C-alpha cells in the first residue's frame, strides 16, 4: 500500500455507530455530557472502528527513532549518541514510555528509521533509511526519495499492525535534535517566524536557544521549502521520525485504526499527513498540549482539543500512552454503567 492507495482506502466515519454511541450515553445513568472530551472520544472511536462498543484491547505505541544532522549547529544539550542509547534501552523495556506502556497495557515497537549508528535488539525494527539526516542548515535534510521511503515505512507498519490484530496505535519518536526540525516544519507549514515556534527542547540555555532559532532561520532560508507541499517540507527541513509518523497516520486511517498523536513532534507530522490527505484527520486522537511553543499553534491548525494539559515534553509517545489510559477509564462506564431504566433515577433532560 503506497500513499495514493492509502488515501483511496480511507472511509468516512461510521455515522450509524456514532449515533448508537450517543444514544447509549444518553441512556446510562450519568448526567448528559458529563464526561466531556472523554465522552466525545468514545463516540469518535465508535465512528472510527464502526462499532457501537469500540474494542481497543490490543494496542501498541510505535516509536520512530532517528538522528538529525542539525545537531552539528549546537542546538541540543547532549550529543546524538543519546538517540542510539535510548533506542537500545527501549528494546530492554527501560525507557519512560516502556514503563508507562507496561502499566497501560500497550506493546512498544521501537523502529530504527535513521539512528546514526547501528543499534541492536530483538524488538527493534530495522528500517534505517539513512544514518541520520543531513544538516539542514547546509542543504536539504534528505532527498525527496528518502522522505518517501520513510513514509512508506510507516505505511507498512500500520498495515502490519492491523493484520496482527491491533485495534489502536500510538505514535512516538526518539531523536536528539528533533524539536529543531519540528520548529522548522511548523514555521514552513504555518508561515510563522522561527522565534514563534522554537523552544528550549530538552533544557537549552538562552544561548543555546539563540543558536537553535538561528539554525531554523538558516534552514528555511537555504532550502525554501514549499508550504503547499508537505513532502517538500519534510524532505528539506524535517526528520525521518516525522516522515515515519506521517506514514503511520496515513496507513492507520486507511486500515480503520485509531491513532493517538503524541506531542509537538507528532503533531507536526500529523499536520503534514492531514495536509497530504485531509481525511486522515478523522482517525487521529490528539493527546496533549506540549510545552514547546509550536504545540499550541499546531493544535490550532489541526482543530484539536487535547485531553491533557500538564506541561509534558518528554516525547517517546508518553502523552499518547497516558491518553490511552484515559480512554480506558471513559470506556468503563460507557460499557458497564447501569441504564436509567435499570435504576430509580429519572433520566436527565437536555438543557434548553
C-alpha atoms as a PDB file:
ATOM      1  CA  UNK A   1       0.000   0.000   0.000  1.00  0.00           C
ATOM      2  CA  UNK A   2       1.504   3.311  -1.091  1.00  0.00           C
ATOM      3  CA  UNK A   3       0.395   6.856  -0.249  1.00  0.00           C
ATOM      4  CA  UNK A   4      -2.063   7.092  -3.120  1.00  0.00           C
ATOM      5  CA  UNK A   5      -3.613   3.715  -2.338  1.00  0.00           C
ATOM      6  CA  UNK A   6      -3.860   4.575   1.350  1.00  0.00           C
ATOM      7  CA  UNK A   7      -5.702   7.821   0.647  1.00  0.00           C
ATOM      8  CA  UNK A   8      -8.176   5.986  -1.590  1.00  0.00           C
ATOM      9  CA  UNK A   9      -8.904   3.411   1.134  1.00  0.00           C
ATOM     10  CA  UNK A  10      -9.857   5.860   3.887  1.00  0.00           C
ATOM     11  CA  UNK A  11     -13.567   5.634   4.579  1.00  0.00           C
ATOM     12  CA  UNK A  12     -15.723   8.269   6.299  1.00  0.00           C
ATOM     13  CA  UNK A  13     -16.503   7.803   9.975  1.00  0.00           C
ATOM     14  CA  UNK A  14     -19.424   5.442  10.572  1.00  0.00           C
ATOM     15  CA  UNK A  15     -22.264   7.800  11.480  1.00  0.00           C
ATOM     16  CA  UNK A  16     -24.546   4.891  12.445  1.00  0.00           C
ATOM     17  CA  UNK A  17     -22.075   3.674  15.080  1.00  0.00           C
ATOM     18  CA  UNK A  18     -21.542   7.209  16.349  1.00  0.00           C
ATOM     19  CA  UNK A  19     -25.262   7.774  16.717  1.00  0.00           C
ATOM     20  CA  UNK A  20     -25.597   4.466  18.551  1.00  0.00           C
ATOM     21  CA  UNK A  21     -22.859   5.597  20.928  1.00  0.00           C
ATOM     22  CA  UNK A  22     -24.608   8.928  21.522  1.00  0.00           C
ATOM     23  CA  UNK A  23     -27.833   7.092  22.279  1.00  0.00           C
ATOM     24  CA  UNK A  24     -26.057   4.747  24.665  1.00  0.00           C
ATOM     25  CA  UNK A  25     -24.535   7.700  26.533  1.00  0.00           C
ATOM     26  CA  UNK A  26     -27.985   9.254  26.865  1.00  0.00           C
ATOM     27  CA  UNK A  27     -29.300   6.033  28.435  1.00  0.00           C
ATOM     28  CA  UNK A  28     -26.619   5.258  31.023  1.00  0.00           C
ATOM     29  CA  UNK A  29     -27.106   6.725  34.489  1.00  0.00           C
ATOM     30  CA  UNK A  30     -24.767   9.722  34.326  1.00  0.00           C
ATOM     31  CA  UNK A  31     -25.505  13.404  33.670  1.00  0.00           C
ATOM     32  CA  UNK A  32     -25.686  14.255  29.985  1.00  0.00           C
ATOM     33  CA  UNK A  33     -22.286  15.088  28.519  1.00  0.00           C
ATOM     34  CA  UNK A  34     -20.654  14.784  31.937  1.00  0.00           C
ATOM     35  CA  UNK A  35     -17.529  13.015  30.657  1.00  0.00           C
ATOM     36  CA  UNK A  36     -16.772  15.937  28.346  1.00  0.00           C
ATOM     37  CA  UNK A  37     -13.957  15.327  25.878  1.00  0.00           C
ATOM     38  CA  UNK A  38     -13.682  11.710  27.023  1.00  0.00           C
ATOM     39  CA  UNK A  39     -17.293  11.119  26.023  1.00  0.00           C
ATOM     40  CA  UNK A  40     -16.618  12.736  22.653  1.00  0.00           C
ATOM     41  CA  UNK A  41     -13.609  10.449  22.226  1.00  0.00           C
ATOM     42  CA  UNK A  42     -15.653   7.299  22.814  1.00  0.00           C
ATOM     43  CA  UNK A  43     -18.161   8.446  20.189  1.00  0.00           C
ATOM     44  CA  UNK A  44     -15.235   9.210  17.889  1.00  0.00           C
ATOM     45  CA  UNK A  45     -13.816   5.727  18.489  1.00  0.00           C
ATOM     46  CA  UNK A  46     -17.173   4.240  17.533  1.00  0.00           C
ATOM     47  CA  UNK A  47     -17.064   6.147  14.261  1.00  0.00           C
ATOM     48  CA  UNK A  48     -13.500   5.089  13.508  1.00  0.00           C
ATOM     49  CA  UNK A  49     -13.984   1.416  14.326  1.00  0.00           C
ATOM     50  CA  UNK A  50     -17.538   1.099  13.013  1.00  0.00           C
ATOM     51  CA  UNK A  51     -18.557  -0.469  16.342  1.00  0.00           C
ATOM     52  CA  UNK A  52     -21.001   0.845  18.934  1.00  0.00           C
ATOM     53  CA  UNK A  53     -18.779  -0.784  21.573  1.00  0.00           C
ATOM     54  CA  UNK A  54     -15.209   0.011  20.472  1.00  0.00           C
ATOM     55  CA  UNK A  55     -12.548  -2.554  21.305  1.00  0.00           C
ATOM     56  CA  UNK A  56      -9.095  -1.062  21.947  1.00  0.00           C
ATOM     57  CA  UNK A  57      -7.823  -4.011  23.961  1.00  0.00           C
ATOM     58  CA  UNK A  58      -4.802  -4.806  21.792  1.00  0.00           C
ATOM     59  CA  UNK A  59      -2.767  -1.663  21.261  1.00  0.00           C
ATOM     60  CA  UNK A  60       0.777  -0.540  20.688  1.00  0.00           C
ATOM     61  CA  UNK A  61       2.954   2.553  20.667  1.00  0.00           C
ATOM     62  CA  UNK A  62       5.216   2.740  17.602  1.00  0.00           C
ATOM     63  CA  UNK A  63       8.332   4.797  18.360  1.00  0.00           C
ATOM     64  CA  UNK A  64      10.308   6.077  15.363  1.00  0.00           C
ATOM     65  CA  UNK A  65      13.966   6.624  16.262  1.00  0.00           C
ATOM     66  CA  UNK A  66      16.235   8.800  14.122  1.00  0.00           C
ATOM     67  CA  UNK A  67      19.068  11.293  14.310  1.00  0.00           C
ATOM     68  CA  UNK A  68      19.178  14.791  12.906  1.00  0.00           C
ATOM     69  CA  UNK A  69      22.221  16.344  11.265  1.00  0.00           C
ATOM     70  CA  UNK A  70      21.317  19.806  12.554  1.00  0.00           C
ATOM     71  CA  UNK A  71      22.762  18.862  15.969  1.00  0.00           C
ATOM     72  CA  UNK A  72      26.101  19.962  14.474  1.00  0.00           C
ATOM     73  CA  UNK A  73      24.877  23.532  14.993  1.00  0.00           C
ATOM     74  CA  UNK A  74      24.872  23.246  18.787  1.00  0.00           C
ATOM     75  CA  UNK A  75      21.084  23.136  19.109  1.00  0.00           C
ATOM     76  CA  UNK A  76      20.954  20.440  21.810  1.00  0.00           C
ATOM     77  CA  UNK A  77      22.241  19.925  25.322  1.00  0.00           C
ATOM     78  CA  UNK A  78      23.504  16.408  24.605  1.00  0.00           C
ATOM     79  CA  UNK A  79      25.026  14.621  21.638  1.00  0.00           C
ATOM     80  CA  UNK A  80      23.236  12.426  19.134  1.00  0.00           C
ATOM     81  CA  UNK A  81      24.778   9.304  20.689  1.00  0.00           C
ATOM     82  CA  UNK A  82      21.891   9.500  23.152  1.00  0.00           C
ATOM     83  CA  UNK A  83      19.446   8.529  20.390  1.00  0.00           C
ATOM     84  CA  UNK A  84      21.115   5.138  19.980  1.00  0.00           C
ATOM     85  CA  UNK A  85      21.372   4.567  23.724  1.00  0.00           C
ATOM     86  CA  UNK A  86      17.690   5.267  24.325  1.00  0.00           C
ATOM     87  CA  UNK A  87      16.663   3.187  21.302  1.00  0.00           C
ATOM     88  CA  UNK A  88      18.510   0.176  22.693  1.00  0.00           C
ATOM     89  CA  UNK A  89      17.054   0.849  26.138  1.00  0.00           C
ATOM     90  CA  UNK A  90      13.596   0.600  24.547  1.00  0.00           C
ATOM     91  CA  UNK A  91      14.497  -2.883  23.411  1.00  0.00           C
ATOM     92  CA  UNK A  92      15.138  -3.729  27.064  1.00  0.00           C
ATOM     93  CA  UNK A  93      11.969  -2.031  28.267  1.00  0.00           C
ATOM     94  CA  UNK A  94      13.952   0.544  30.218  1.00  0.00           C
ATOM     95  CA  UNK A  95      12.669   3.905  28.980  1.00  0.00           C
ATOM     96  CA  UNK A  96       9.853   6.095  30.245  1.00  0.00           C
ATOM     97  CA  UNK A  97       7.404   5.088  27.537  1.00  0.00           C
ATOM     98  CA  UNK A  98       8.153   1.402  28.104  1.00  0.00           C
ATOM     99  CA  UNK A  99       7.349   1.628  31.805  1.00  0.00           C
ATOM    100  CA  UNK A 100       4.221   3.691  31.190  1.00  0.00           C
ATOM    101  CA  UNK A 101       3.101   1.363  28.402  1.00  0.00           C
ATOM    102  CA  UNK A 102       3.521  -1.640  30.657  1.00  0.00           C
ATOM    103  CA  UNK A 103       1.122  -0.073  33.175  1.00  0.00           C
ATOM    104  CA  UNK A 104      -1.361   0.917  30.457  1.00  0.00           C
ATOM    105  CA  UNK A 105      -1.233  -2.392  28.603  1.00  0.00           C
ATOM    106  CA  UNK A 106       0.457  -1.366  25.369  1.00  0.00           C
ATOM    107  CA  UNK A 107       3.163  -3.081  23.382  1.00  0.00           C
ATOM    108  CA  UNK A 108       6.165  -0.919  22.453  1.00  0.00           C
ATOM    109  CA  UNK A 109       7.505  -1.171  18.898  1.00  0.00           C
ATOM    110  CA  UNK A 110      10.798   0.724  18.511  1.00  0.00           C
ATOM    111  CA  UNK A 111      11.750   1.456  14.906  1.00  0.00           C
ATOM    112  CA  UNK A 112      15.246   2.370  13.758  1.00  0.00           C
ATOM    113  CA  UNK A 113      14.354   4.556  10.816  1.00  0.00           C
ATOM    114  CA  UNK A 114      17.520   6.653  10.928  1.00  0.00           C
ATOM    115  CA  UNK A 115      19.712   6.263  14.001  1.00  0.00           C
ATOM    116  CA  UNK A 116      23.261   7.447  13.307  1.00  0.00           C
ATOM    117  CA  UNK A 117      24.917   4.198  14.398  1.00  0.00           C
ATOM    118  CA  UNK A 118      23.761   0.569  14.237  1.00  0.00           C
ATOM    119  CA  UNK A 119      21.505  -0.397  17.140  1.00  0.00           C
ATOM    120  CA  UNK A 120      20.965  -3.904  18.412  1.00  0.00           C
ATOM    121  CA  UNK A 121      17.919  -5.534  19.951  1.00  0.00           C
ATOM    122  CA  UNK A 122      15.418  -8.229  19.102  1.00  0.00           C
ATOM    123  CA  UNK A 123      12.449  -5.862  19.492  1.00  0.00           C
ATOM    124  CA  UNK A 124      13.903  -3.063  17.357  1.00  0.00           C
ATOM    125  CA  UNK A 125      12.512  -2.891  13.845  1.00  0.00           C
ATOM    126  CA  UNK A 126      15.380  -2.364  11.431  1.00  0.00           C
ATOM    127  CA  UNK A 127      14.070   0.117   8.833  1.00  0.00           C
ATOM    128  CA  UNK A 128      17.006   2.525   8.581  1.00  0.00           C
ATOM    129  CA  UNK A 129      16.703   4.859   5.592  1.00  0.00           C
ATOM    130  CA  UNK A 130      19.965   6.708   6.301  1.00  0.00           C
ATOM    131  CA  UNK A 131      22.275   7.213   9.267  1.00  0.00           C
ATOM    132  CA  UNK A 132      20.599  10.395  10.384  1.00  0.00           C
ATOM    133  CA  UNK A 133      19.538  13.285   8.208  1.00  0.00           C
ATOM    134  CA  UNK A 134      21.921  15.806   6.694  1.00  0.00           C
ATOM    135  CA  UNK A 135      22.484  19.161   8.395  1.00  0.00           C
ATOM    136  CA  UNK A 136      19.521  21.162   7.118  1.00  0.00           C
ATOM    137  CA  UNK A 137      21.392  24.442   7.529  1.00  0.00           C
ATOM    138  CA  UNK A 138      23.689  23.336   4.693  1.00  0.00           C
ATOM    139  CA  UNK A 139      21.037  21.941   2.344  1.00  0.00           C
ATOM    140  CA  UNK A 140      18.073  19.527   2.341  1.00  0.00           C
ATOM    141  CA  UNK A 141      17.834  17.193   5.332  1.00  0.00           C
ATOM    142  CA  UNK A 142      17.158  14.346   2.913  1.00  0.00           C
ATOM    143  CA  UNK A 143      16.162  13.730  -0.670  1.00  0.00           C
ATOM    144  CA  UNK A 144      12.561  13.519  -1.743  1.00  0.00           C
ATOM    145  CA  UNK A 145      13.060   9.811  -2.387  1.00  0.00           C
ATOM    146  CA  UNK A 146      14.370   9.233   1.133  1.00  0.00           C
ATOM    147  CA  UNK A 147      11.399  11.099   2.607  1.00  0.00           C
ATOM    148  CA  UNK A 148       9.031   8.920   0.583  1.00  0.00           C
ATOM    149  CA  UNK A 149      10.860   5.789   1.750  1.00  0.00           C
ATOM    150  CA  UNK A 150      10.456   6.874   5.363  1.00  0.00           C
ATOM    151  CA  UNK A 151       6.739   7.500   4.868  1.00  0.00           C
ATOM    152  CA  UNK A 152       6.454   4.039   3.338  1.00  0.00           C
ATOM    153  CA  UNK A 153       7.967   2.511   6.474  1.00  0.00           C
ATOM    154  CA  UNK A 154       5.097   3.963   8.489  1.00  0.00           C
ATOM    155  CA  UNK A 155       2.505   2.842   5.955  1.00  0.00           C
ATOM    156  CA  UNK A 156       3.823  -0.715   6.017  1.00  0.00           C
ATOM    157  CA  UNK A 157       3.921  -0.805   9.820  1.00  0.00           C
ATOM    158  CA  UNK A 158       0.306   0.361  10.094  1.00  0.00           C
ATOM    159  CA  UNK A 159      -0.834  -2.394   7.746  1.00  0.00           C
ATOM    160  CA  UNK A 160       1.273  -4.951   9.586  1.00  0.00           C
ATOM    161  CA  UNK A 161      -0.207  -3.902  12.921  1.00  0.00           C
ATOM    162  CA  UNK A 162      -3.727  -4.150  11.523  1.00  0.00           C
ATOM    163  CA  UNK A 163      -3.023  -7.666  10.258  1.00  0.00           C
ATOM    164  CA  UNK A 164      -1.575  -8.593  13.673  1.00  0.00           C
ATOM    165  CA  UNK A 165      -4.857  -7.681  15.338  1.00  0.00           C
ATOM    166  CA  UNK A 166      -4.014  -4.334  16.883  1.00  0.00           C
ATOM    167  CA  UNK A 167      -7.073  -2.144  17.488  1.00  0.00           C
ATOM    168  CA  UNK A 168      -5.371   1.161  18.283  1.00  0.00           C
ATOM    169  CA  UNK A 169      -1.934   2.653  17.730  1.00  0.00           C
ATOM    170  CA  UNK A 170       0.009   5.453  19.400  1.00  0.00           C
ATOM    171  CA  UNK A 171       2.931   7.261  17.811  1.00  0.00           C
ATOM    172  CA  UNK A 172       6.139   8.320  19.462  1.00  0.00           C
ATOM    173  CA  UNK A 173       9.634   9.387  18.496  1.00  0.00           C
ATOM    174  CA  UNK A 174      13.176   9.449  19.782  1.00  0.00           C
ATOM    175  CA  UNK A 175      15.832  11.618  18.219  1.00  0.00           C
ATOM    176  CA  UNK A 176      18.183  14.243  19.581  1.00  0.00           C
ATOM    177  CA  UNK A 177      17.572  17.488  17.694  1.00  0.00           C
ATOM    178  CA  UNK A 178      14.044  16.741  16.582  1.00  0.00           C
ATOM    179  CA  UNK A 179      12.438  19.747  18.263  1.00  0.00           C
ATOM    180  CA  UNK A 180      14.627  21.834  15.946  1.00  0.00           C
ATOM    181  CA  UNK A 181      13.343  20.074  12.841  1.00  0.00           C
ATOM    182  CA  UNK A 182       9.826  20.332  14.248  1.00  0.00           C
ATOM    183  CA  UNK A 183      10.179  24.091  14.648  1.00  0.00           C
ATOM    184  CA  UNK A 184      11.345  24.360  11.037  1.00  0.00           C
ATOM    185  CA  UNK A 185       8.496  22.219   9.716  1.00  0.00           C
ATOM    186  CA  UNK A 186       5.942  24.177  11.764  1.00  0.00           C
ATOM    187  CA  UNK A 187       7.303  27.533  10.601  1.00  0.00           C
ATOM    188  CA  UNK A 188       7.237  26.370   6.976  1.00  0.00           C
ATOM    189  CA  UNK A 189       3.717  24.926   7.071  1.00  0.00           C
ATOM    190  CA  UNK A 190       2.139  27.772   9.031  1.00  0.00           C
ATOM    191  CA  UNK A 191       4.152  30.691   7.660  1.00  0.00           C
ATOM    192  CA  UNK A 192       5.486  31.683  11.065  1.00  0.00           C
ATOM    193  CA  UNK A 193       8.778  33.176  12.192  1.00  0.00           C
ATOM    194  CA  UNK A 194      11.338  30.869  13.773  1.00  0.00           C
ATOM    195  CA  UNK A 195      11.178  32.733  17.097  1.00  0.00           C
ATOM    196  CA  UNK A 196       7.461  31.992  17.417  1.00  0.00           C
ATOM    197  CA  UNK A 197       7.813  28.209  17.175  1.00  0.00           C
ATOM    198  CA  UNK A 198      11.241  27.393  18.608  1.00  0.00           C
ATOM    199  CA  UNK A 199      11.618  26.368  22.247  1.00  0.00           C
ATOM    200  CA  UNK A 200      14.218  25.064  24.634  1.00  0.00           C
ATOM    201  CA  UNK A 201      13.586  21.386  23.901  1.00  0.00           C
ATOM    202  CA  UNK A 202      15.365  19.207  26.457  1.00  0.00           C
ATOM    203  CA  UNK A 203      16.652  22.090  28.548  1.00  0.00           C
ATOM    204  CA  UNK A 204      18.623  24.518  26.377  1.00  0.00           C
ATOM    205  CA  UNK A 205      20.214  27.626  27.861  1.00  0.00           C
ATOM    206  CA  UNK A 206      19.318  31.033  26.481  1.00  0.00           C
ATOM    207  CA  UNK A 207      22.495  30.951  24.417  1.00  0.00           C
ATOM    208  CA  UNK A 208      21.572  27.536  23.082  1.00  0.00           C
ATOM    209  CA  UNK A 209      18.069  28.713  22.249  1.00  0.00           C
ATOM    210  CA  UNK A 210      19.536  31.565  20.216  1.00  0.00           C
ATOM    211  CA  UNK A 211      21.636  29.074  18.233  1.00  0.00           C
ATOM    212  CA  UNK A 212      18.564  26.921  17.692  1.00  0.00           C
ATOM    213  CA  UNK A 213      16.479  29.817  16.375  1.00  0.00           C
ATOM    214  CA  UNK A 214      19.346  30.805  14.091  1.00  0.00           C
ATOM    215  CA  UNK A 215      19.593  27.244  12.765  1.00  0.00           C
ATOM    216  CA  UNK A 216      15.870  27.172  11.969  1.00  0.00           C
ATOM    217  CA  UNK A 217      16.086  30.546  10.236  1.00  0.00           C
ATOM    218  CA  UNK A 218      19.084  29.429   8.194  1.00  0.00           C
ATOM    219  CA  UNK A 219      17.497  26.119   7.208  1.00  0.00           C
ATOM    220  CA  UNK A 220      14.362  27.858   5.967  1.00  0.00           C
ATOM    221  CA  UNK A 221      16.361  30.448   4.035  1.00  0.00           C
ATOM    222  CA  UNK A 222      18.718  27.913   2.466  1.00  0.00           C
ATOM    223  CA  UNK A 223      16.084  25.342   1.498  1.00  0.00           C
ATOM    224  CA  UNK A 224      12.981  27.452   0.830  1.00  0.00           C
ATOM    225  CA  UNK A 225      10.505  24.602   1.472  1.00  0.00           C
ATOM    226  CA  UNK A 226       7.193  24.869  -0.351  1.00  0.00           C
ATOM    227  CA  UNK A 227       4.470  25.388   2.308  1.00  0.00           C
ATOM    228  CA  UNK A 228       1.902  23.889  -0.064  1.00  0.00           C
ATOM    229  CA  UNK A 229       3.860  20.634  -0.440  1.00  0.00           C
ATOM    230  CA  UNK A 230       4.230  18.733   2.859  1.00  0.00           C
ATOM    231  CA  UNK A 231       6.606  16.203   1.330  1.00  0.00           C
ATOM    232  CA  UNK A 232       8.886  19.012   0.176  1.00  0.00           C
ATOM    233  CA  UNK A 233       8.831  20.460   3.701  1.00  0.00           C
ATOM    234  CA  UNK A 234       9.601  17.073   5.255  1.00  0.00           C
ATOM    235  CA  UNK A 235      12.470  16.382   2.891  1.00  0.00           C
ATOM    236  CA  UNK A 236      14.096  19.779   3.215  1.00  0.00           C
ATOM    237  CA  UNK A 237      13.730  20.619   6.909  1.00  0.00           C
ATOM    238  CA  UNK A 238      12.056  17.610   8.516  1.00  0.00           C
ATOM    239  CA  UNK A 239      13.203  14.377  10.119  1.00  0.00           C
ATOM    240  CA  UNK A 240      12.990  10.698   9.348  1.00  0.00           C
ATOM    241  CA  UNK A 241      10.985  10.152  12.531  1.00  0.00           C
ATOM    242  CA  UNK A 242       8.366  12.659  11.404  1.00  0.00           C
ATOM    243  CA  UNK A 243       8.169  11.099   7.939  1.00  0.00           C
ATOM    244  CA  UNK A 244       7.640   7.668   9.505  1.00  0.00           C
ATOM    245  CA  UNK A 245       4.821   9.049  11.641  1.00  0.00           C
ATOM    246  CA  UNK A 246       3.200  10.604   8.568  1.00  0.00           C
ATOM    247  CA  UNK A 247       3.100   7.153   7.021  1.00  0.00           C
ATOM    248  CA  UNK A 248       1.652   5.593  10.153  1.00  0.00           C
ATOM    249  CA  UNK A 249      -1.118   8.199  10.262  1.00  0.00           C
ATOM    250  CA  UNK A 250      -1.969   7.579   6.607  1.00  0.00           C
ATOM    251  CA  UNK A 251      -1.801   3.823   6.989  1.00  0.00           C
ATOM    252  CA  UNK A 252      -3.777   3.812  10.212  1.00  0.00           C
ATOM    253  CA  UNK A 253      -6.590   5.795   8.610  1.00  0.00           C
ATOM    254  CA  UNK A 254      -6.565   3.508   5.581  1.00  0.00           C
ATOM    255  CA  UNK A 255      -6.836   0.465   7.868  1.00  0.00           C
ATOM    256  CA  UNK A 256      -9.561   1.974  10.062  1.00  0.00           C
ATOM    257  CA  UNK A 257      -7.213   2.129  13.055  1.00  0.00           C
ATOM    258  CA  UNK A 258      -7.477   4.975  15.559  1.00  0.00           C
ATOM    259  CA  UNK A 259      -4.061   6.608  16.025  1.00  0.00           C
ATOM    260  CA  UNK A 260      -3.257   8.596  19.167  1.00  0.00           C
ATOM    261  CA  UNK A 261      -0.983  11.569  18.462  1.00  0.00           C
ATOM    262  CA  UNK A 262       1.737  12.416  20.988  1.00  0.00           C
ATOM    263  CA  UNK A 263       3.325  15.840  21.500  1.00  0.00           C
ATOM    264  CA  UNK A 264       4.740  18.628  19.361  1.00  0.00           C
ATOM    265  CA  UNK A 265       6.825  16.448  17.017  1.00  0.00           C
ATOM    266  CA  UNK A 266       3.968  14.029  16.442  1.00  0.00           C
ATOM    267  CA  UNK A 267       1.600  16.974  15.902  1.00  0.00           C
ATOM    268  CA  UNK A 268       3.882  18.463  13.248  1.00  0.00           C
ATOM    269  CA  UNK A 269       3.865  15.100  11.492  1.00  0.00           C
ATOM    270  CA  UNK A 270       0.081  14.941  11.872  1.00  0.00           C
ATOM    271  CA  UNK A 271      -0.298  18.317  10.186  1.00  0.00           C
ATOM    272  CA  UNK A 272       1.851  17.067   7.293  1.00  0.00           C
ATOM    273  CA  UNK A 273      -0.351  13.974   6.981  1.00  0.00           C
ATOM    274  CA  UNK A 274      -3.574  15.989   7.096  1.00  0.00           C
ATOM    275  CA  UNK A 275      -2.239  18.424   4.507  1.00  0.00           C
ATOM    276  CA  UNK A 276      -1.421  15.433   2.274  1.00  0.00           C
ATOM    277  CA  UNK A 277      -4.834  13.828   2.834  1.00  0.00           C
ATOM    278  CA  UNK A 278      -7.475  15.719   4.871  1.00  0.00           C
ATOM    279  CA  UNK A 279      -9.466  12.525   5.514  1.00  0.00           C
ATOM    280  CA  UNK A 280      -6.676  11.353   7.851  1.00  0.00           C
ATOM    281  CA  UNK A 281      -7.858  13.873  10.464  1.00  0.00           C
ATOM    282  CA  UNK A 282     -10.902  11.741  11.291  1.00  0.00           C
ATOM    283  CA  UNK A 283      -8.673   8.925  12.543  1.00  0.00           C
ATOM    284  CA  UNK A 284      -6.466  10.969  14.870  1.00  0.00           C
ATOM    285  CA  UNK A 285      -6.886  11.416  18.617  1.00  0.00           C
ATOM    286  CA  UNK A 286      -4.648  14.235  19.844  1.00  0.00           C
ATOM    287  CA  UNK A 287      -3.373  13.519  23.328  1.00  0.00           C
ATOM    288  CA  UNK A 288      -1.835  16.596  24.926  1.00  0.00           C
ATOM    289  CA  UNK A 289      -0.571  20.123  24.524  1.00  0.00           C
ATOM    290  CA  UNK A 290       3.205  20.195  24.513  1.00  0.00           C
ATOM    291  CA  UNK A 291       5.119  22.795  26.480  1.00  0.00           C
ATOM    292  CA  UNK A 292       7.032  23.688  23.294  1.00  0.00           C
ATOM    293  CA  UNK A 293       5.949  26.991  21.652  1.00  0.00           C
ATOM    294  CA  UNK A 294       4.879  25.236  18.456  1.00  0.00           C
ATOM    295  CA  UNK A 295       2.498  22.979  20.368  1.00  0.00           C
ATOM    296  CA  UNK A 296      -0.492  25.307  20.688  1.00  0.00           C
ATOM    297  CA  UNK A 297      -0.094  26.558  17.122  1.00  0.00           C
ATOM    298  CA  UNK A 298      -0.102  23.029  15.737  1.00  0.00           C
ATOM    299  CA  UNK A 299      -3.169  22.115  17.787  1.00  0.00           C
ATOM    300  CA  UNK A 300      -4.990  25.145  16.397  1.00  0.00           C
ATOM    301  CA  UNK A 301      -4.030  24.158  12.851  1.00  0.00           C
ATOM    302  CA  UNK A 302      -5.309  20.623  13.493  1.00  0.00           C
ATOM    303  CA  UNK A 303      -8.516  21.958  15.124  1.00  0.00           C
ATOM    304  CA  UNK A 304      -7.726  19.671  18.043  1.00  0.00           C
ATOM    305  CA  UNK A 305      -8.708  19.767  21.703  1.00  0.00           C
ATOM    306  CA  UNK A 306      -6.159  17.732  23.680  1.00  0.00           C
ATOM    307  CA  UNK A 307      -7.067  15.711  26.763  1.00  0.00           C
ATOM    308  CA  UNK A 308      -4.021  16.604  28.815  1.00  0.00           C
ATOM    309  CA  UNK A 309      -2.504  19.990  29.601  1.00  0.00           C
ATOM    310  CA  UNK A 310       0.211  19.013  32.047  1.00  0.00           C
ATOM    311  CA  UNK A 311       3.262  20.712  30.573  1.00  0.00           C
ATOM    312  CA  UNK A 312       4.585  17.395  29.247  1.00  0.00           C
ATOM    313  CA  UNK A 313       7.537  17.477  26.846  1.00  0.00           C
ATOM    314  CA  UNK A 314       9.269  14.116  27.141  1.00  0.00           C
ATOM    315  CA  UNK A 315       8.303  12.559  23.832  1.00  0.00           C
ATOM    316  CA  UNK A 316       8.650   8.825  23.106  1.00  0.00           C
ATOM    317  CA  UNK A 317       4.836   8.611  22.915  1.00  0.00           C
ATOM    318  CA  UNK A 318       4.371   9.154  26.645  1.00  0.00           C
ATOM    319  CA  UNK A 319       1.491  11.617  26.285  1.00  0.00           C
ATOM    320  CA  UNK A 320      -0.271   9.298  23.861  1.00  0.00           C
ATOM    321  CA  UNK A 321       0.086   6.356  26.235  1.00  0.00           C
ATOM    322  CA  UNK A 322      -1.298   8.439  29.114  1.00  0.00           C
ATOM    323  CA  UNK A 323      -4.293   9.272  26.936  1.00  0.00           C
ATOM    324  CA  UNK A 324      -4.986   5.594  26.241  1.00  0.00           C
ATOM    325  CA  UNK A 325      -5.335   5.111  29.988  1.00  0.00           C
ATOM    326  CA  UNK A 326      -7.933   7.907  29.989  1.00  0.00           C
ATOM    327  CA  UNK A 327      -9.760   6.243  27.104  1.00  0.00           C
ATOM    328  CA  UNK A 328      -9.910   3.026  29.127  1.00  0.00           C
ATOM    329  CA  UNK A 329     -11.414   4.967  32.030  1.00  0.00           C
ATOM    330  CA  UNK A 330     -14.019   6.541  29.745  1.00  0.00           C
ATOM    331  CA  UNK A 331     -14.948   3.205  28.207  1.00  0.00           C
ATOM    332  CA  UNK A 332     -15.502   1.609  31.637  1.00  0.00           C
ATOM    333  CA  UNK A 333     -18.764   3.428  32.465  1.00  0.00           C
ATOM    334  CA  UNK A 334     -19.789   3.570  28.810  1.00  0.00           C
ATOM    335  CA  UNK A 335     -19.694  -0.236  28.595  1.00  0.00           C
ATOM    336  CA  UNK A 336     -20.600  -1.163  32.177  1.00  0.00           C
ATOM    337  CA  UNK A 337     -22.837   1.527  33.682  1.00  0.00           C
ATOM    338  CA  UNK A 338     -26.453   0.811  34.597  1.00  0.00           C
ATOM    339  CA  UNK A 339     -29.070   2.436  32.389  1.00  0.00           C
ATOM    340  CA  UNK A 340     -31.621   4.860  33.814  1.00  0.00           C
ATOM    341  CA  UNK A 341     -34.362   2.284  33.246  1.00  0.00           C
ATOM    342  CA  UNK A 342     -32.425  -0.125  35.496  1.00  0.00           C
ATOM    343  CA  UNK A 343     -32.273   2.324  38.402  1.00  0.00           C
ATOM    344  CA  UNK A 344     -34.616   4.605  40.340  1.00  0.00           C
ATOM    345  CA  UNK A 345     -33.011   7.687  38.768  1.00  0.00           C
ATOM    346  CA  UNK A 346     -35.005   9.807  36.387  1.00  0.00           C
ATOM    347  CA  UNK A 347     -33.187  10.400  33.088  1.00  0.00           C
ATOM    348  CA  UNK A 348     -31.583  13.802  32.676  1.00  0.00           C
ATOM    349  CA  UNK A 349     -33.169  16.041  30.092  1.00  0.00           C
ATOM    350  CA  UNK A 350     -31.247  18.183  27.600  1.00  0.00           C
ATOM    351  CA  UNK A 351     -30.882  21.801  28.653  1.00  0.00           C
ATOM    352  CA  UNK A 352     -32.664  24.410  26.575  1.00  0.00           C
END
